[in-house]
Amino acid sequence: MKAVITAGGRIDGAFASAAGTRVKALASLHGATMLERVLDALRGTGATRIAVVGGEEVRGACGAAVDRFIDESPSGSENILRALRAWPEDGEPLLYATSDLPYVTAEAIRDFVQRTPTGALAVPLVEFADYAVRFPQAPSCGITLAGERVVNGGVFLLPPDSAPRLAGAATAFFEARKRPWRMASLIGPLALIRFVAGRLSVTDLEGTAHRVLQMPARAVRGCAAELAFDIDTAAEYGYATSHR
């Protein structure tokens, strides 16, 4: 299996002061950086080829732990495209992971991959009730779709030979993943209306993404909460430093 990690995110202010770095992927938690945790999880899942997209500090931290290093661009959208092109199309699916998943485990990723339908573009989905049990009193997160509160994960499974088809829409969809109103607007006015009315469901998003991307799209339900806790703020980093 091949995999790629985007590790170009920068932080500042209180977050950077607490982490001791301006590179989010290199923020340390309980003796390991977040990037190291994601790398270990991917290796444990069975990934034999791992690429990382990042800057010079990330390159130095990776050393020989990765199989390919791709220099980052100042543009986040371009970095997503570089990640999609990290490995040649060879008939294998691609695991795409963000680098800010402090609790990610090989077992959690393996379960997600095993339950993804063949040929589908997939994202893990965690029921908010399960997330709250695993991470009590964590900073607020999640989205509500048709009355159902869920949290999406930071690992994606791309079907074989899908990168060229995804390139046109990938940056917009990946950047909108935490903003459901933006996601809805990308896939059409009817979906946006349904979202505003509180009637847009997970199934609606799957169906419309299938139509737009021309490939099956699945939210794999019941995944481990460890795939869904990511760190974007100083508050989330503070929580993770005190909660195992």
C-alpha atoms as a PDB file:
ATOM      1  CA  MET A   1       0.000   0.000   0.000  1.00  0.00           C
ATOM      2  CA  LYS A   2       1.202   3.537  -0.731  1.00  0.00           C
ATOM      3  CA  ALA A   3       0.538   6.611   1.403  1.00  0.00           C
ATOM      4  CA  VAL A   4       1.178  10.339   1.510  1.00  0.00           C
ATOM      5  CA  ILE A   5       1.133  12.865   4.342  1.00  0.00           C
ATOM      6  CA  THR A   6       0.777  16.625   3.985  1.00  0.00           C
ATOM      7  CA  ALA A   7       2.904  18.323   6.642  1.00  0.00           C
ATOM      8  CA  GLY A   8       3.187  21.946   5.587  1.00  0.00           C
ATOM      9  CA  GLY A   9       0.853  23.635   8.076  1.00  0.00           C
ATOM     10  CA  ARG A  10       2.256  26.534  10.113  1.00  0.00           C
ATOM     11  CA  ILE A  11       1.161  27.823  13.500  1.00  0.00           C
ATOM     12  CA  ASP A  12       1.814  31.008  15.460  1.00  0.00           C
ATOM     13  CA  GLY A  13       0.903  32.834  18.638  1.00  0.00           C
ATOM     14  CA  ALA A  14       0.060  30.855  21.754  1.00  0.00           C
ATOM     15  CA  PHE A  15      -0.064  27.602  19.801  1.00  0.00           C
ATOM     16  CA  ALA A  16       3.487  27.963  18.463  1.00  0.00           C
ATOM     17  CA  SER A  17       4.779  29.073  21.869  1.00  0.00           C
ATOM     18  CA  ALA A  18       3.298  26.026  23.572  1.00  0.00           C
ATOM     19  CA  ALA A  19       4.490  23.648  20.848  1.00  0.00           C
ATOM     20  CA  GLY A  20       7.967  25.134  20.590  1.00  0.00           C
ATOM     21  CA  THR A  21       7.790  25.173  16.800  1.00  0.00           C
ATOM     22  CA  ARG A  22       6.007  26.981  13.988  1.00  0.00           C
ATOM     23  CA  VAL A  23       5.559  23.738  12.029  1.00  0.00           C
ATOM     24  CA  LYS A  24       2.412  22.037  13.261  1.00  0.00           C
ATOM     25  CA  ALA A  25       3.488  18.534  12.217  1.00  0.00           C
ATOM     26  CA  LEU A  26       6.569  18.841  14.452  1.00  0.00           C
ATOM     27  CA  ALA A  27       4.647  19.731  17.594  1.00  0.00           C
ATOM     28  CA  SER A  28       5.507  17.123  20.224  1.00  0.00           C
ATOM     29  CA  LEU A  29       3.038  15.192  22.366  1.00  0.00           C
ATOM     30  CA  HIS A  30       4.024  12.638  24.999  1.00  0.00           C
ATOM     31  CA  GLY A  31       7.485  12.107  23.574  1.00  0.00           C
ATOM     32  CA  ALA A  32       6.763  12.036  19.841  1.00  0.00           C
ATOM     33  CA  THR A  33       5.858  14.569  17.184  1.00  0.00           C
ATOM     34  CA  MET A  34       2.491  14.361  15.503  1.00  0.00           C
ATOM     35  CA  LEU A  35       4.239  13.542  12.238  1.00  0.00           C
ATOM     36  CA  GLU A  36       6.067  10.620  13.871  1.00  0.00           C
ATOM     37  CA  ARG A  37       2.769   9.281  15.192  1.00  0.00           C
ATOM     38  CA  VAL A  38       1.148   9.372  11.763  1.00  0.00           C
ATOM     39  CA  LEU A  39       4.201   7.737  10.139  1.00  0.00           C
ATOM     40  CA  ASP A  40       4.198   4.944  12.718  1.00  0.00           C
ATOM     41  CA  ALA A  41       0.486   4.340  12.221  1.00  0.00           C
ATOM     42  CA  LEU A  42       0.811   4.155   8.438  1.00  0.00           C
ATOM     43  CA  ARG A  43       3.745   1.737   8.657  1.00  0.00           C
ATOM     44  CA  GLY A  44       1.772  -0.386  11.080  1.00  0.00           C
ATOM     45  CA  THR A  45      -1.133  -0.432   8.662  1.00  0.00           C
ATOM     46  CA  GLY A  46       1.098  -1.987   6.023  1.00  0.00           C
ATOM     47  CA  ALA A  47       2.075   1.019   3.946  1.00  0.00           C
ATOM     48  CA  THR A  48       5.337   0.153   2.218  1.00  0.00           C
ATOM     49  CA  ARG A  49       5.743   3.468   0.378  1.00  0.00           C
ATOM     50  CA  ILE A  50       5.206   6.696   2.272  1.00  0.00           C
ATOM     51  CA  ALA A  51       5.727  10.191   0.877  1.00  0.00           C
ATOM     52  CA  VAL A  52       5.659  13.441   2.839  1.00  0.00           C
ATOM     53  CA  VAL A  53       4.972  16.926   1.497  1.00  0.00           C
ATOM     54  CA  GLY A  54       6.648  19.604   3.624  1.00  0.00           C
ATOM     55  CA  GLY A  55       9.378  22.168   4.130  1.00  0.00           C
ATOM     56  CA  GLU A  56      13.031  21.922   5.084  1.00  0.00           C
ATOM     57  CA  GLU A  57      12.377  21.460   8.809  1.00  0.00           C
ATOM     58  CA  VAL A  58      10.066  18.553   8.036  1.00  0.00           C
ATOM     59  CA  ARG A  59      12.612  17.086   5.630  1.00  0.00           C
ATOM     60  CA  GLY A  60      15.229  17.142   8.385  1.00  0.00           C
ATOM     61  CA  ALA A  61      12.851  15.524  10.867  1.00  0.00           C
ATOM     62  CA  CYS A  62      11.886  12.741   8.437  1.00  0.00           C
ATOM     63  CA  GLY A  63      15.410  11.600   7.645  1.00  0.00           C
ATOM     64  CA  ALA A  64      15.274   8.045   6.339  1.00  0.00           C
ATOM     65  CA  ALA A  65      11.819   7.375   7.792  1.00  0.00           C
ATOM     66  CA  VAL A  66      10.061   8.161   4.499  1.00  0.00           C
ATOM     67  CA  ASP A  67      10.469   6.781   1.011  1.00  0.00           C
ATOM     68  CA  ARG A  68       9.927  10.037  -0.837  1.00  0.00           C
ATOM     69  CA  PHE A  69      10.018  13.679   0.194  1.00  0.00           C
ATOM     70  CA  ILE A  70       8.223  16.352  -1.824  1.00  0.00           C
ATOM     71  CA  ASP A  71       9.053  20.016  -1.341  1.00  0.00           C
ATOM     72  CA  GLU A  72       6.076  22.084  -0.284  1.00  0.00           C
ATOM     73  CA  SER A  73       4.594  25.040  -2.101  1.00  0.00           C
ATOM     74  CA  PRO A  74       3.455  28.285  -0.432  1.00  0.00           C
ATOM     75  CA  SER A  75      -0.013  27.336  -1.685  1.00  0.00           C
ATOM     76  CA  GLY A  76      -2.011  24.855   0.365  1.00  0.00           C
ATOM     77  CA  SER A  77      -4.016  23.910  -2.716  1.00  0.00           C
ATOM     78  CA  GLU A  78      -0.849  23.150  -4.655  1.00  0.00           C
ATOM     79  CA  ASN A  79       0.396  20.971  -1.804  1.00  0.00           C
ATOM     80  CA  ILE A  80      -2.733  18.859  -2.058  1.00  0.00           C
ATOM     81  CA  LEU A  81      -2.090  18.390  -5.768  1.00  0.00           C
ATOM     82  CA  ARG A  82       1.525  17.454  -5.056  1.00  0.00           C
ATOM     83  CA  ALA A  83       0.305  14.889  -2.538  1.00  0.00           C
ATOM     84  CA  LEU A  84      -2.082  13.375  -5.071  1.00  0.00           C
ATOM     85  CA  ARG A  85       0.802  13.085  -7.520  1.00  0.00           C
ATOM     86  CA  ALA A  86       3.252  11.692  -4.971  1.00  0.00           C
ATOM     87  CA  TRP A  87       3.174   8.182  -6.399  1.00  0.00           C
ATOM     88  CA  PRO A  88       2.684   6.988  -9.966  1.00  0.00           C
ATOM     89  CA  GLU A  89      -0.607   5.397 -10.844  1.00  0.00           C
ATOM     90  CA  ASP A  90       0.019   1.679 -10.454  1.00  0.00           C
ATOM     91  CA  GLY A  91      -3.283   0.070  -9.611  1.00  0.00           C
ATOM     92  CA  GLU A  92      -2.954   0.510  -5.830  1.00  0.00           C
ATOM     93  CA  PRO A  93      -5.157   2.675  -3.629  1.00  0.00           C
ATOM     94  CA  LEU A  94      -3.604   5.703  -1.937  1.00  0.00           C
ATOM     95  CA  LEU A  95      -3.907   6.533   1.752  1.00  0.00           C
ATOM     96  CA  TYR A  96      -3.881  10.304   2.227  1.00  0.00           C
ATOM     97  CA  ALA A  97      -3.331  11.506   5.805  1.00  0.00           C
ATOM     98  CA  THR A  98      -3.011  14.873   7.458  1.00  0.00           C
ATOM     99  CA  SER A  99      -0.132  15.301   9.902  1.00  0.00           C
ATOM    100  CA  ASP A 100      -2.082  16.607  12.903  1.00  0.00           C
ATOM    101  CA  LEU A 101      -3.653  13.405  14.247  1.00  0.00           C
ATOM    102  CA  PRO A 102      -2.086  12.883  17.692  1.00  0.00           C
ATOM    103  CA  TYR A 103      -4.106   9.785  18.585  1.00  0.00           C
ATOM    104  CA  VAL A 104      -4.053   7.938  15.268  1.00  0.00           C
ATOM    105  CA  THR A 105      -3.262   4.215  15.402  1.00  0.00           C
ATOM    106  CA  ALA A 106      -2.549   1.514  12.865  1.00  0.00           C
ATOM    107  CA  GLU A 107      -5.550  -0.450  14.125  1.00  0.00           C
ATOM    108  CA  ALA A 108      -7.890   2.476  13.518  1.00  0.00           C
ATOM    109  CA  ILE A 109      -6.624   3.038   9.975  1.00  0.00           C
ATOM    110  CA  ARG A 110      -6.684  -0.682   9.181  1.00  0.00           C
ATOM    111  CA  ASP A 111     -10.315  -0.997  10.270  1.00  0.00           C
ATOM    112  CA  PHE A 112     -11.268   1.990   8.092  1.00  0.00           C
ATOM    113  CA  VAL A 113      -9.468   0.591   5.050  1.00  0.00           C
ATOM    114  CA  GLN A 114     -10.908  -2.888   5.471  1.00  0.00           C
ATOM    115  CA  ARG A 115     -14.462  -1.544   5.602  1.00  0.00           C
ATOM    116  CA  THR A 116     -14.139   0.747   2.582  1.00  0.00           C
ATOM    117  CA  PRO A 117     -15.936  -0.632  -0.497  1.00  0.00           C
ATOM    118  CA  THR A 118     -13.603  -1.505  -3.354  1.00  0.00           C
ATOM    119  CA  GLY A 119     -13.153   1.372  -5.761  1.00  0.00           C
ATOM    120  CA  ALA A 120     -14.607   4.043  -3.485  1.00  0.00           C
ATOM    121  CA  LEU A 121     -13.205   7.374  -2.394  1.00  0.00           C
ATOM    122  CA  ALA A 122     -13.671   7.181   1.367  1.00  0.00           C
ATOM    123  CA  VAL A 123     -13.466   9.218   4.556  1.00  0.00           C
ATOM    124  CA  PRO A 124     -13.921   7.838   8.086  1.00  0.00           C
ATOM    125  CA  LEU A 125     -16.931   9.054  10.018  1.00  0.00           C
ATOM    126  CA  VAL A 126     -17.262   8.954  13.803  1.00  0.00           C
ATOM    127  CA  GLU A 127     -20.509   9.257  15.706  1.00  0.00           C
ATOM    128  CA  PHE A 128     -20.246  12.269  17.990  1.00  0.00           C
ATOM    129  CA  ALA A 129     -21.415  10.236  20.998  1.00  0.00           C
ATOM    130  CA  ASP A 130     -18.480   7.851  20.518  1.00  0.00           C
ATOM    131  CA  TYR A 131     -16.097  10.770  20.032  1.00  0.00           C
ATOM    132  CA  ALA A 132     -17.291  12.400  23.273  1.00  0.00           C
ATOM    133  CA  VAL A 133     -16.737   9.187  25.220  1.00  0.00           C
ATOM    134  CA  ARG A 134     -13.162   8.874  23.937  1.00  0.00           C
ATOM    135  CA  PHE A 135     -12.394  12.587  24.317  1.00  0.00           C
ATOM    136  CA  PRO A 136     -14.519  13.921  27.186  1.00  0.00           C
ATOM    137  CA  GLN A 137     -14.707  17.710  27.438  1.00  0.00           C
ATOM    138  CA  ALA A 138     -12.609  18.160  24.317  1.00  0.00           C
ATOM    139  CA  PRO A 139     -12.957  21.445  22.411  1.00  0.00           C
ATOM    140  CA  SER A 140     -16.137  21.501  20.364  1.00  0.00           C
ATOM    141  CA  CYS A 141     -16.073  19.821  16.964  1.00  0.00           C
ATOM    142  CA  GLY A 142     -18.256  17.946  14.544  1.00  0.00           C
ATOM    143  CA  ILE A 143     -21.026  18.843  12.152  1.00  0.00           C
ATOM    144  CA  THR A 144     -24.755  18.193  12.155  1.00  0.00           C
ATOM    145  CA  LEU A 145     -26.303  16.715   9.029  1.00  0.00           C
ATOM    146  CA  ALA A 146     -30.027  16.046   8.939  1.00  0.00           C
ATOM    147  CA  GLY A 147     -30.119  16.055  12.746  1.00  0.00           C
ATOM    148  CA  GLU A 148     -27.163  13.688  13.050  1.00  0.00           C
ATOM    149  CA  ARG A 149     -23.958  14.965  14.660  1.00  0.00           C
ATOM    150  CA  VAL A 150     -20.787  13.374  13.332  1.00  0.00           C
ATOM    151  CA  VAL A 151     -17.050  14.033  13.174  1.00  0.00           C
ATOM    152  CA  ASN A 152     -15.057  13.282  10.034  1.00  0.00           C
ATOM    153  CA  GLY A 153     -11.569  11.826  10.120  1.00  0.00           C
ATOM    154  CA  GLY A 154      -8.254  13.085   8.782  1.00  0.00           C
ATOM    155  CA  VAL A 155      -7.385  10.017   6.713  1.00  0.00           C
ATOM    156  CA  PHE A 156      -8.737   9.443   3.208  1.00  0.00           C
ATOM    157  CA  LEU A 157      -8.610   6.396   0.964  1.00  0.00           C
ATOM    158  CA  LEU A 158      -8.377   7.103  -2.757  1.00  0.00           C
ATOM    159  CA  PRO A 159      -9.194   4.331  -5.217  1.00  0.00           C
ATOM    160  CA  PRO A 160      -6.554   3.163  -7.697  1.00  0.00           C
ATOM    161  CA  ASP A 161      -5.771   5.480 -10.610  1.00  0.00           C
ATOM    162  CA  SER A 162      -8.125   8.194  -9.312  1.00  0.00           C
ATOM    163  CA  ALA A 163      -5.651  11.050  -8.831  1.00  0.00           C
ATOM    164  CA  PRO A 164      -6.012  12.516 -12.350  1.00  0.00           C
ATOM    165  CA  ARG A 165      -9.797  12.560 -12.035  1.00  0.00           C
ATOM    166  CA  LEU A 166      -9.646  14.094  -8.568  1.00  0.00           C
ATOM    167  CA  ALA A 167      -7.134  16.821  -9.341  1.00  0.00           C
ATOM    168  CA  GLY A 168      -9.679  19.270 -10.721  1.00  0.00           C
ATOM    169  CA  ALA A 169     -11.946  19.227  -7.672  1.00  0.00           C
ATOM    170  CA  ALA A 170      -9.689  17.862  -4.953  1.00  0.00           C
ATOM    171  CA  THR A 171      -8.369  21.115  -3.536  1.00  0.00           C
ATOM    172  CA  ALA A 172     -11.813  22.615  -3.137  1.00  0.00           C
ATOM    173  CA  PHE A 173     -13.281  19.493  -1.545  1.00  0.00           C
ATOM    174  CA  PHE A 174     -10.366  18.847   0.820  1.00  0.00           C
ATOM    175  CA  GLU A 175     -10.232  22.463   1.986  1.00  0.00           C
ATOM    176  CA  ALA A 176     -13.991  22.496   2.592  1.00  0.00           C
ATOM    177  CA  ARG A 177     -14.060  19.264   4.594  1.00  0.00           C
ATOM    178  CA  LYS A 178     -14.644  21.066   7.929  1.00  0.00           C
ATOM    179  CA  ARG A 179     -17.043  23.653   6.536  1.00  0.00           C
ATOM    180  CA  PRO A 180     -20.235  21.845   5.555  1.00  0.00           C
ATOM    181  CA  TRP A 181     -21.842  24.962   4.075  1.00  0.00           C
ATOM    182  CA  ARG A 182     -18.856  25.319   1.730  1.00  0.00           C
ATOM    183  CA  MET A 183     -18.974  21.640   0.878  1.00  0.00           C
ATOM    184  CA  ALA A 184     -22.676  21.933   0.113  1.00  0.00           C
ATOM    185  CA  SER A 185     -22.166  24.997  -2.070  1.00  0.00           C
ATOM    186  CA  LEU A 186     -19.488  23.157  -4.071  1.00  0.00           C
ATOM    187  CA  ILE A 187     -21.851  20.358  -4.980  1.00  0.00           C
ATOM    188  CA  GLY A 188     -24.780  22.482  -6.068  1.00  0.00           C
ATOM    189  CA  PRO A 189     -27.509  24.910  -5.016  1.00  0.00           C
ATOM    190  CA  LEU A 190     -30.006  22.201  -4.085  1.00  0.00           C
ATOM    191  CA  ALA A 191     -27.543  20.713  -1.600  1.00  0.00           C
ATOM    192  CA  LEU A 192     -26.900  24.162  -0.136  1.00  0.00           C
ATOM    193  CA  ILE A 193     -30.630  24.734   0.313  1.00  0.00           C
ATOM    194  CA  ARG A 194     -31.011  21.351   1.985  1.00  0.00           C
ATOM    195  CA  PHE A 195     -28.112  22.134   4.311  1.00  0.00           C
ATOM    196  CA  VAL A 196     -29.535  25.520   5.326  1.00  0.00           C
ATOM    197  CA  ALA A 197     -32.872  23.832   5.973  1.00  0.00           C
ATOM    198  CA  GLY A 198     -31.187  21.186   8.137  1.00  0.00           C
ATOM    199  CA  ARG A 199     -32.110  18.377   5.752  1.00  0.00           C
ATOM    200  CA  LEU A 200     -28.783  17.624   4.080  1.00  0.00           C
ATOM    201  CA  SER A 201     -27.720  14.108   5.078  1.00  0.00           C
ATOM    202  CA  VAL A 202     -24.536  12.093   4.872  1.00  0.00           C
ATOM    203  CA  THR A 203     -26.175  10.000   2.158  1.00  0.00           C
ATOM    204  CA  ASP A 204     -26.965  13.161   0.184  1.00  0.00           C
ATOM    205  CA  LEU A 205     -23.315  14.185   0.300  1.00  0.00           C
ATOM    206  CA  GLU A 206     -22.170  10.730  -0.790  1.00  0.00           C
ATOM    207  CA  GLY A 207     -24.522  10.707  -3.755  1.00  0.00           C
ATOM    208  CA  THR A 208     -23.658  14.186  -4.942  1.00  0.00           C
ATOM    209  CA  ALA A 209     -19.906  13.634  -4.510  1.00  0.00           C
ATOM    210  CA  HIS A 210     -20.300  10.499  -6.618  1.00  0.00           C
ATOM    211  CA  ARG A 211     -21.954  12.536  -9.347  1.00  0.00           C
ATOM    212  CA  VAL A 212     -19.440  15.381  -9.229  1.00  0.00           C
ATOM    213  CA  LEU A 213     -16.291  13.251  -8.953  1.00  0.00           C
ATOM    214  CA  GLN A 214     -17.516  10.433 -11.194  1.00  0.00           C
ATOM    215  CA  MET A 215     -16.577   7.746  -8.695  1.00  0.00           C
ATOM    216  CA  PRO A 216     -18.238   6.095  -5.691  1.00  0.00           C
ATOM    217  CA  ALA A 217     -17.837   8.155  -2.516  1.00  0.00           C
ATOM    218  CA  ARG A 218     -18.395   6.722   0.957  1.00  0.00           C
ATOM    219  CA  ALA A 219     -18.397   7.964   4.518  1.00  0.00           C
ATOM    220  CA  VAL A 220     -17.345   4.869   6.447  1.00  0.00           C
ATOM    221  CA  ARG A 221     -19.408   4.974   9.614  1.00  0.00           C
ATOM    222  CA  GLY A 222     -18.468   3.760  13.062  1.00  0.00           C
ATOM    223  CA  CYS A 223     -14.749   4.407  12.701  1.00  0.00           C
ATOM    224  CA  ALA A 224     -12.449   4.892  15.678  1.00  0.00           C
ATOM    225  CA  ALA A 225     -12.518   8.306  17.305  1.00  0.00           C
ATOM    226  CA  GLU A 226      -8.716   8.394  17.114  1.00  0.00           C
ATOM    227  CA  LEU A 227      -9.025   9.153  13.397  1.00  0.00           C
ATOM    228  CA  ALA A 228     -11.112  12.252  14.026  1.00  0.00           C
ATOM    229  CA  PHE A 229      -9.235  14.238  16.673  1.00  0.00           C
ATOM    230  CA  ASP A 230      -7.007  16.688  14.860  1.00  0.00           C
ATOM    231  CA  ILE A 231      -5.278  19.797  16.134  1.00  0.00           C
ATOM    232  CA  ASP A 232      -5.899  23.225  14.673  1.00  0.00           C
ATOM    233  CA  THR A 233      -5.835  25.450  17.755  1.00  0.00           C
ATOM    234  CA  ALA A 234      -3.878  26.064  20.938  1.00  0.00           C
ATOM    235  CA  ALA A 235      -6.861  24.792  22.933  1.00  0.00           C
ATOM    236  CA  GLU A 236      -6.877  21.475  21.070  1.00  0.00           C
ATOM    237  CA  TYR A 237      -3.120  21.133  21.526  1.00  0.00           C
ATOM    238  CA  GLY A 238      -3.469  21.856  25.230  1.00  0.00           C
ATOM    239  CA  TYR A 239      -6.171  19.213  25.532  1.00  0.00           C
ATOM    240  CA  ALA A 240      -4.016  16.617  23.770  1.00  0.00           C
ATOM    241  CA  THR A 241      -0.998  17.301  25.981  1.00  0.00           C
ATOM    242  CA  SER A 242      -3.038  16.452  29.074  1.00  0.00           C
ATOM    243  CA  HIS A 243      -5.284  13.683  27.747  1.00  0.00           C
ATOM    244  CA  ARG A 244      -4.076  10.305  26.523  1.00  0.00           C
END
